[in-house]
Protein backbone atom coordinates (compact mmCIF):
# COMPACT_ATOMS: atom_id res chain seq x y z
CA MET A 1 -35.07 143.55 -162.98
CA GLU A 2 -32.77 140.76 -164.03
CA LEU A 3 -33.19 137.86 -162.56
CA PHE A 4 -30.33 135.19 -162.59
CA PHE A 5 -30.14 131.46 -161.38
CA LYS A 6 -28.11 130.08 -158.91
CA LYS A 7 -24.59 128.71 -159.01
CA PRO A 8 -21.70 127.85 -157.02
CA SER A 9 -20.15 130.64 -154.82
CA SER A 10 -16.59 131.76 -156.88
CA GLU A 11 -15.31 130.86 -153.79
CA ALA A 12 -16.83 126.85 -154.18
CA ARG A 13 -15.49 127.05 -157.86
CA GLU A 14 -12.06 127.81 -156.78
CA SER A 15 -11.58 125.18 -153.88
CA MET A 16 -13.38 122.79 -156.46
CA CYS A 17 -10.46 123.38 -158.94
CA ARG A 18 -8.02 123.19 -156.41
CA ALA A 19 -9.30 120.12 -155.46
CA ALA A 20 -9.64 118.72 -158.29
CA LEU A 21 -5.79 119.23 -159.38
CA GLU A 22 -4.81 117.78 -155.92
CA LEU A 23 -6.93 114.49 -156.59
CA GLY A 24 -3.37 112.55 -156.83
CA ILE A 25 -2.53 113.57 -153.31
CA PRO A 26 -4.75 111.38 -151.19
CA LYS A 27 -3.80 113.16 -147.72
CA ILE A 28 -5.16 116.30 -148.99
CA SER A 29 -8.13 114.96 -150.35
CA MET A 30 -8.85 113.30 -147.53
CA ASP A 31 -8.53 116.86 -145.39
CA TYR A 32 -10.92 118.02 -147.77
CA VAL A 33 -13.69 114.93 -146.99
CA LYS A 34 -12.96 115.53 -143.46
CA GLU A 35 -13.36 119.02 -143.11
CA ALA A 36 -16.51 119.15 -145.24
CA GLU A 37 -18.19 116.15 -142.43
CA LEU A 38 -17.01 118.09 -139.40
CA LEU A 39 -19.17 120.90 -140.98
CA ILE A 40 -22.08 118.93 -141.80
CA LYS A 41 -21.86 117.68 -137.99
CA THR A 42 -21.63 120.90 -136.34
CA ILE A 43 -24.56 122.22 -138.71
CA THR A 44 -27.35 119.06 -137.95
CA GLY A 45 -25.57 118.50 -134.56
CA HIS A 46 -25.85 114.64 -135.49
CA GLU A 47 -22.49 112.57 -134.83
CA HIS A 48 -22.21 110.61 -137.86
CA VAL A 49 -22.00 111.73 -140.81
CA LYS A 50 -21.37 110.68 -144.70
CA ILE A 51 -20.90 112.35 -148.32
CA VAL A 52 -22.53 110.57 -150.74
CA ASN A 53 -22.73 111.44 -154.56
CA SER A 54 -26.21 112.59 -154.82
CA GLY A 55 -29.60 113.46 -152.80
CA ASN A 56 -31.11 110.65 -154.00
CA SER A 57 -28.14 108.45 -152.67
CA ALA A 58 -28.77 110.00 -149.30
CA VAL A 59 -32.40 108.34 -150.00
CA MET A 60 -31.04 105.08 -151.16
CA ALA A 61 -28.92 104.59 -148.13
CA ALA A 62 -31.53 106.08 -145.56
CA MET A 63 -34.20 103.27 -146.90
CA SER A 64 -31.48 100.46 -147.54
CA ASN A 65 -32.17 100.30 -143.34
CA PHE A 66 -35.46 99.34 -143.85
CA ASN A 67 -38.08 96.55 -144.40
CA GLY A 68 -40.82 98.73 -144.88
CA PRO A 69 -43.59 100.11 -144.97
CA LEU A 70 -42.84 103.51 -144.91
CA ILE A 71 -45.22 106.64 -144.71
CA LEU A 72 -44.86 109.13 -147.52
CA PRO A 73 -46.95 112.14 -147.52
CA ASP A 74 -49.48 112.01 -149.92
CA GLN A 75 -48.12 115.52 -151.53
CA GLY A 76 -45.32 117.66 -151.32
CA GLY A 77 -42.72 115.21 -150.70
CA TRP A 78 -39.77 113.89 -153.08
CA THR A 79 -40.29 111.70 -156.06
CA GLY A 80 -37.13 110.16 -155.33
CA PHE A 81 -38.86 108.77 -151.93
CA LYS A 82 -41.20 106.84 -153.97
CA LYS A 83 -39.01 106.21 -157.00
CA ILE A 84 -36.23 104.83 -154.61
CA ALA A 85 -39.01 102.78 -152.39
CA GLU A 86 -39.98 101.23 -155.32
CA ILE A 87 -36.75 100.21 -156.42
CA LEU A 88 -35.79 98.38 -153.02
CA GLY A 89 -39.27 97.11 -153.14
CA LEU A 90 -40.52 99.08 -149.97
CA GLU A 91 -44.26 99.06 -149.48
CA ILE A 92 -45.30 102.46 -149.11
CA LEU A 93 -48.30 104.09 -147.12
CA TYR A 94 -49.54 107.70 -148.28
CA ILE A 95 -50.75 109.86 -145.52
CA PRO A 96 -53.24 112.34 -146.08
CA THR A 97 -52.20 115.84 -145.81
CA ASN A 98 -53.17 119.37 -145.73
CA LEU A 99 -51.90 120.59 -148.84
CA GLY A 100 -48.55 118.81 -148.04
CA ILE A 101 -48.81 119.51 -144.23
CA ILE A 102 -48.90 116.36 -141.97
CA ASP A 103 -51.86 116.61 -139.28
CA ILE A 104 -50.18 115.61 -135.87
CA GLU A 105 -53.42 114.15 -134.77
CA LEU A 106 -53.58 111.84 -137.89
CA LEU A 107 -50.23 110.95 -137.88
CA GLN A 108 -50.56 109.59 -134.40
CA ASP A 109 -53.68 107.61 -135.41
CA PHE A 110 -51.93 106.58 -138.77
CA ILE A 111 -49.16 104.98 -137.15
CA LEU A 112 -50.80 102.98 -134.22
CA GLU A 113 -53.02 101.38 -136.77
CA LYS A 114 -50.17 100.80 -139.99
CA ARG A 115 -47.20 100.33 -137.78
CA PRO A 116 -44.87 101.77 -140.30
CA GLU A 117 -40.98 101.42 -139.91
CA ALA A 118 -40.04 105.07 -141.09
CA LEU A 119 -41.72 108.35 -142.03
CA PHE A 120 -39.92 110.35 -145.06
CA LEU A 121 -40.75 114.07 -145.46
CA THR A 122 -39.22 117.10 -146.73
CA SER A 123 -38.58 120.32 -144.21
CA PHE A 124 -40.94 122.03 -146.41
CA ALA A 125 -44.18 120.35 -147.89
CA GLY A 126 -43.45 121.27 -151.93
CA TYR A 127 -40.70 123.72 -150.74
CA MET A 128 -43.95 125.91 -150.04
CA ALA A 129 -44.51 125.36 -145.91
CA GLU A 130 -43.02 124.44 -143.24
CA GLN A 131 -43.86 120.95 -141.99
CA PRO A 132 -44.04 120.82 -137.65
CA VAL A 133 -40.77 118.31 -137.85
CA GLU A 134 -40.16 118.86 -133.96
CA GLU A 135 -43.76 117.59 -133.17
CA ILE A 136 -43.48 114.79 -135.85
CA TYR A 137 -40.44 113.62 -134.23
CA GLN A 138 -41.83 113.55 -130.87
CA ILE A 139 -44.83 111.27 -132.13
CA CYS A 140 -42.37 108.80 -134.22
CA ASP A 141 -39.86 108.51 -131.48
CA ASP A 142 -42.36 107.81 -129.06
CA HIS A 143 -43.69 105.30 -131.44
CA GLU A 144 -40.12 103.74 -132.02
CA VAL A 145 -40.70 105.08 -136.10
CA PHE A 146 -37.61 106.35 -137.43
CA LEU A 147 -38.34 110.10 -138.95
CA VAL A 148 -36.22 111.13 -141.83
CA GLU A 149 -36.00 114.34 -142.64
CA ASP A 150 -34.59 115.69 -146.33
CA ALA A 151 -33.55 118.90 -145.38
CA SER A 152 -31.92 119.85 -149.12
CA GLY A 153 -33.91 123.28 -148.78
CA ALA A 154 -33.48 123.81 -144.95
CA VAL A 155 -29.32 123.67 -144.49
CA GLY A 156 -28.66 126.22 -142.31
CA ASP A 157 -31.70 127.34 -140.74
CA PRO A 158 -31.16 129.93 -138.02
CA THR A 159 -33.69 128.90 -135.68
CA GLY A 160 -32.91 125.30 -135.55
CA ASN A 161 -36.46 123.97 -136.01
CA LEU A 162 -35.25 122.66 -139.62
CA CYS A 163 -32.08 120.21 -140.72
CA CYS A 164 -31.98 119.73 -136.54
CA GLY A 165 -30.32 116.50 -135.16
CA LYS A 166 -32.78 116.82 -132.23
CA HIS A 167 -36.02 116.58 -134.67
CA ALA A 168 -34.65 113.77 -136.99
CA HIS A 169 -33.39 110.25 -136.23
CA ILE A 170 -32.19 110.88 -139.67
CA ILE A 171 -30.93 113.79 -142.00
CA ILE A 172 -30.89 113.95 -145.93
CA ALA A 173 -29.87 116.62 -148.13
CA SER A 174 -28.74 116.78 -151.73
CA THR A 175 -26.17 119.61 -152.59
CA GLY A 176 -26.92 119.80 -156.29
CA SER A 177 -28.67 122.42 -158.12
CA PRO A 178 -29.91 124.94 -157.03
CA LYS A 179 -30.56 123.93 -153.38
CA ILE A 180 -29.34 125.82 -150.38
CA VAL A 181 -26.23 124.49 -149.93
CA ASN A 182 -25.53 124.83 -154.07
CA VAL A 183 -22.19 122.81 -155.20
CA GLY A 184 -23.86 121.04 -158.57
CA SER A 185 -23.87 117.61 -157.39
CA GLY A 186 -23.63 115.52 -154.31
CA GLY A 187 -25.52 115.20 -150.72
CA PHE A 188 -25.13 113.82 -147.33
CA ILE A 189 -26.98 111.79 -144.48
CA THR A 190 -26.56 112.18 -140.78
CA SER A 191 -27.75 110.40 -137.77
CA ASN A 192 -26.80 109.70 -133.85
CA ASN A 193 -27.65 105.99 -134.95
CA SER A 194 -23.86 104.65 -135.99
CA LYS A 195 -26.17 101.39 -137.29
CA ILE A 196 -27.16 103.31 -139.90
CA PHE A 197 -23.56 103.73 -141.35
CA LYS A 198 -22.47 100.02 -139.90
CA ASN A 199 -25.19 98.28 -141.54
CA ASN A 200 -24.54 99.39 -145.20
CA ILE A 201 -20.30 99.97 -145.41
CA HIS A 202 -20.15 98.79 -149.19
CA LEU A 203 -23.21 100.84 -150.01
CA TYR A 204 -21.52 104.26 -148.91
CA LYS A 205 -18.29 103.02 -150.41
CA THR A 206 -20.59 102.92 -154.10
CA LEU A 207 -22.09 106.11 -153.45
CA ARG A 208 -19.28 107.87 -151.62
CA ALA A 209 -18.97 111.73 -153.10
CA SER A 210 -15.85 112.77 -154.82
CA THR A 211 -13.05 115.17 -153.14
CA VAL A 212 -13.97 117.98 -155.63
CA THR A 213 -17.14 118.05 -153.96
CA CYS A 214 -16.06 118.02 -150.48
CA ALA A 215 -13.82 120.59 -151.54
CA GLY A 216 -16.94 122.69 -152.59
CA LEU A 217 -19.45 122.10 -150.09
CA LEU A 218 -16.71 123.62 -147.33
CA GLU A 219 -17.31 126.89 -148.72
CA GLU A 220 -21.16 126.34 -149.52
CA ILE A 221 -22.14 125.38 -146.08
CA GLN A 222 -20.61 128.54 -144.41
CA ARG A 223 -23.35 130.56 -146.58
CA ALA A 224 -26.57 128.15 -146.21
CA SER A 225 -27.83 130.15 -143.02
CA GLN A 226 -27.39 133.17 -145.08
CA ILE A 227 -28.60 132.02 -148.31
CA PHE A 228 -31.95 130.24 -146.52
CA SER A 229 -32.63 133.60 -144.59
CA ARG A 230 -32.80 135.31 -147.71
CA THR A 231 -34.93 132.97 -149.40
CA ILE A 232 -37.26 132.55 -146.53
CA SER A 233 -37.29 136.60 -146.30
CA ALA A 234 -38.02 137.02 -149.89
CA CYS A 235 -40.72 134.43 -149.80
CA ASP A 236 -42.36 136.27 -147.07
CA PHE A 237 -42.03 139.52 -148.69
CA LEU A 238 -44.11 137.81 -151.81
CA LYS A 239 -46.18 135.66 -149.76
CA LYS A 240 -47.77 139.39 -148.03
CA GLU A 241 -47.55 141.08 -151.70
CA LEU A 242 -49.75 138.69 -153.48
CA LYS A 243 -53.02 138.22 -153.86
CA PHE A 244 -53.08 134.30 -154.78
CA VAL A 245 -51.09 132.60 -152.59
CA LEU A 246 -51.41 129.26 -150.82
CA HIS A 247 -49.99 128.57 -147.54
CA SER A 248 -49.56 132.48 -147.14
CA LYS A 249 -48.82 132.36 -143.43
CA LYS A 250 -46.01 129.43 -143.77
CA ARG A 251 -42.31 129.59 -143.58
CA GLY A 252 -41.28 128.40 -147.39
CA ILE A 253 -38.25 128.84 -150.17
CA ASN A 254 -40.85 129.11 -153.21
CA VAL A 255 -44.46 130.43 -153.54
CA CYS A 256 -47.51 128.73 -154.97
CA LEU A 257 -50.50 130.09 -156.60
CA PRO A 258 -53.52 128.40 -157.35
CA THR A 259 -55.19 128.74 -160.70
CA TYR A 260 -57.32 127.05 -163.01
CA HIS A 261 -55.03 127.57 -166.13
CA PRO A 262 -51.59 126.40 -165.08
CA LYS A 263 -50.00 125.89 -168.26
CA SER A 264 -51.19 129.28 -169.70
CA MET A 265 -50.41 131.54 -166.82
CA ALA A 266 -46.60 129.67 -166.54
CA SER A 267 -46.43 130.65 -170.27
CA GLU A 268 -47.09 134.01 -169.64
CA LEU A 269 -45.09 133.91 -166.56
CA ARG A 270 -41.99 132.82 -167.81
CA LYS A 271 -42.48 135.12 -170.68
CA SER A 272 -42.42 138.04 -168.07
CA LEU A 273 -39.96 136.78 -165.83
CA ASN A 274 -37.20 135.77 -167.66
CA VAL A 275 -34.26 134.25 -165.35
CA HIS A 276 -30.73 134.40 -167.04
CA GLY A 277 -29.03 130.89 -166.67
CA GLY A 278 -32.34 128.51 -165.56
CA GLY A 279 -35.86 128.34 -164.73
CA LEU A 280 -38.31 130.25 -162.04
CA ILE A 281 -41.56 128.11 -162.96
CA THR A 282 -43.08 124.54 -162.28
CA THR A 283 -46.16 123.73 -163.00
CA CYS A 284 -49.06 122.02 -161.11
CA PRO A 285 -50.40 119.54 -160.14
CA ARG A 286 -47.43 117.44 -158.99
CA TYR A 287 -46.19 115.23 -156.46
CA ASP A 288 -43.77 117.15 -155.47
CA ARG A 289 -45.15 120.38 -155.17
CA ILE A 290 -48.93 119.79 -154.54
CA ASN A 291 -51.83 118.11 -156.01
CA LEU A 292 -53.83 120.96 -157.47
CA PRO A 293 -53.82 123.18 -160.61
CA ALA A 294 -51.36 125.58 -159.36
CA VAL A 295 -48.04 127.75 -160.84
CA CYS A 296 -44.90 127.79 -158.44
CA LEU A 297 -42.44 130.71 -158.19
CA GLU A 298 -38.96 128.69 -157.09
CA ILE A 299 -37.53 131.88 -155.25
CA LYS A 300 -35.17 129.13 -154.03
CA ASN A 301 -33.74 128.99 -157.37
CA LEU A 302 -32.55 132.49 -157.60
CA ASP A 303 -28.93 133.70 -157.08
CA THR A 304 -29.57 135.51 -153.48
CA ARG A 305 -28.02 139.16 -154.63
CA CYS A 306 -31.13 139.15 -157.13
CA ILE A 307 -33.55 139.09 -155.13
CA ASP A 308 -33.77 142.57 -153.32
CA ILE A 309 -36.80 144.65 -152.40
CA ASP A 310 -37.05 146.19 -155.92
CA ASN A 311 -36.61 143.23 -157.81
CA LEU A 312 -39.47 141.67 -155.80
CA THR A 313 -41.76 144.72 -155.77
CA VAL A 314 -41.46 144.69 -159.73
CA MET A 315 -41.89 140.72 -159.61
CA ALA A 316 -45.04 140.97 -157.38
CA ASN A 317 -46.45 143.70 -159.29
CA ILE A 318 -45.95 141.00 -162.92
CA VAL A 319 -47.47 138.05 -161.11
CA ASN A 320 -50.59 139.82 -159.29
CA LYS A 321 -51.34 141.41 -162.72
CA ILE A 322 -50.60 138.01 -164.47
CA SER A 323 -52.49 135.45 -161.88
CA SER A 324 -55.39 138.13 -161.71
CA SER A 325 -56.35 138.04 -165.30
CA TYR A 326 -56.33 133.90 -164.90
CA ASN A 327 -58.31 133.60 -161.60
CA SER A 328 -60.71 135.51 -163.26
CA GLN A 329 -61.41 133.46 -165.66
C-alpha cells in the first residue's frame, strides 16, 4: 500500500507557471482573475466573489463586516474563527453542540436569547460530520443572523447541500494545501449581498490573491466535484469497516477514532500508514476537530488516486488492529 499526500494537479501547476511568466501583461493577468471568479460564482451560486490570498484572509474579510457578537460552535469549527475574532475585538458566543453538530432547536433558542449578528461554522464539523446547513440557514435567515459557511472541505458538493449560495449568506473557503480545491495558497469569499464587498474595498485590495493563484484555481475548481465525491466515498467505506468511529452515519472527509490513548495510538498509526509527502494523522482533543481524546484519519489530505478500494481495505485492517488493542486497554 502506497499513500501520497495531495498536491495540485499537473494541469494546475502548468497553468500557474504560465501565469507567472505573464505577470507583466496586465490584460492576461486580469483574465485569470475574472475567469476564476466566474467559475466560483457558478459553483457557489452567489452573485459576488472576491479571491483572496488565504482562507484566513477570507475569514477576516467576512468578520470585518460585523460588530458582534458572533456565534461559533464549541468544537469542530476552525481555529481561525477564534483568532481573527479576537484580533478584531469581536465578542464570541460558543454554542454547545453534539460532538460538533449544531442542534437546530437549541440554535433557535440561543439566537433569541443572545441576539448575535452572525454564525460562523464549517460545512463539516471537524471535517468529520456534515452540518445541517440548510436548516441552520433557515433559522438564521428568519432571525436576521448572517450564516457564514466555511466550505473549504465542501467545494463541489454534487448534492448541493454544502457550499451552496441558497443555504448561506456568505461562503468562505481556503484553497491552500491540502483542501478540496488544492492550489497551495489562496481562498475566496462569496455572497449575494454586495455590501459585504463595498464596505471593505481597501481591505480586499490588501488581501487579494495573485494571478498565479487564480490561474491554478481555474484548473482545480473544475476537479472539485470529483475530488470531493471520491473523498466522501472513501470515508464512507472506512466508517463502515472500522470498529470504533464517531459520526459513523454522517458524511465527512476525515474519520475520527475515539481512544483513551491518542498520542500512543497516533504514533503507531503513523508508522504503519506512511504517507509520502505529508501527514495523515491528527490527535485530539483540539477545537478544530473534537474536544475528546481521539485520533483522526485525514483522508482529505490524500491524493484521490491512492484511495482505491484495495488501499482502503488494507488501511481499515491496519487501523482496526491498532485501535482494537488500544480500546481494549
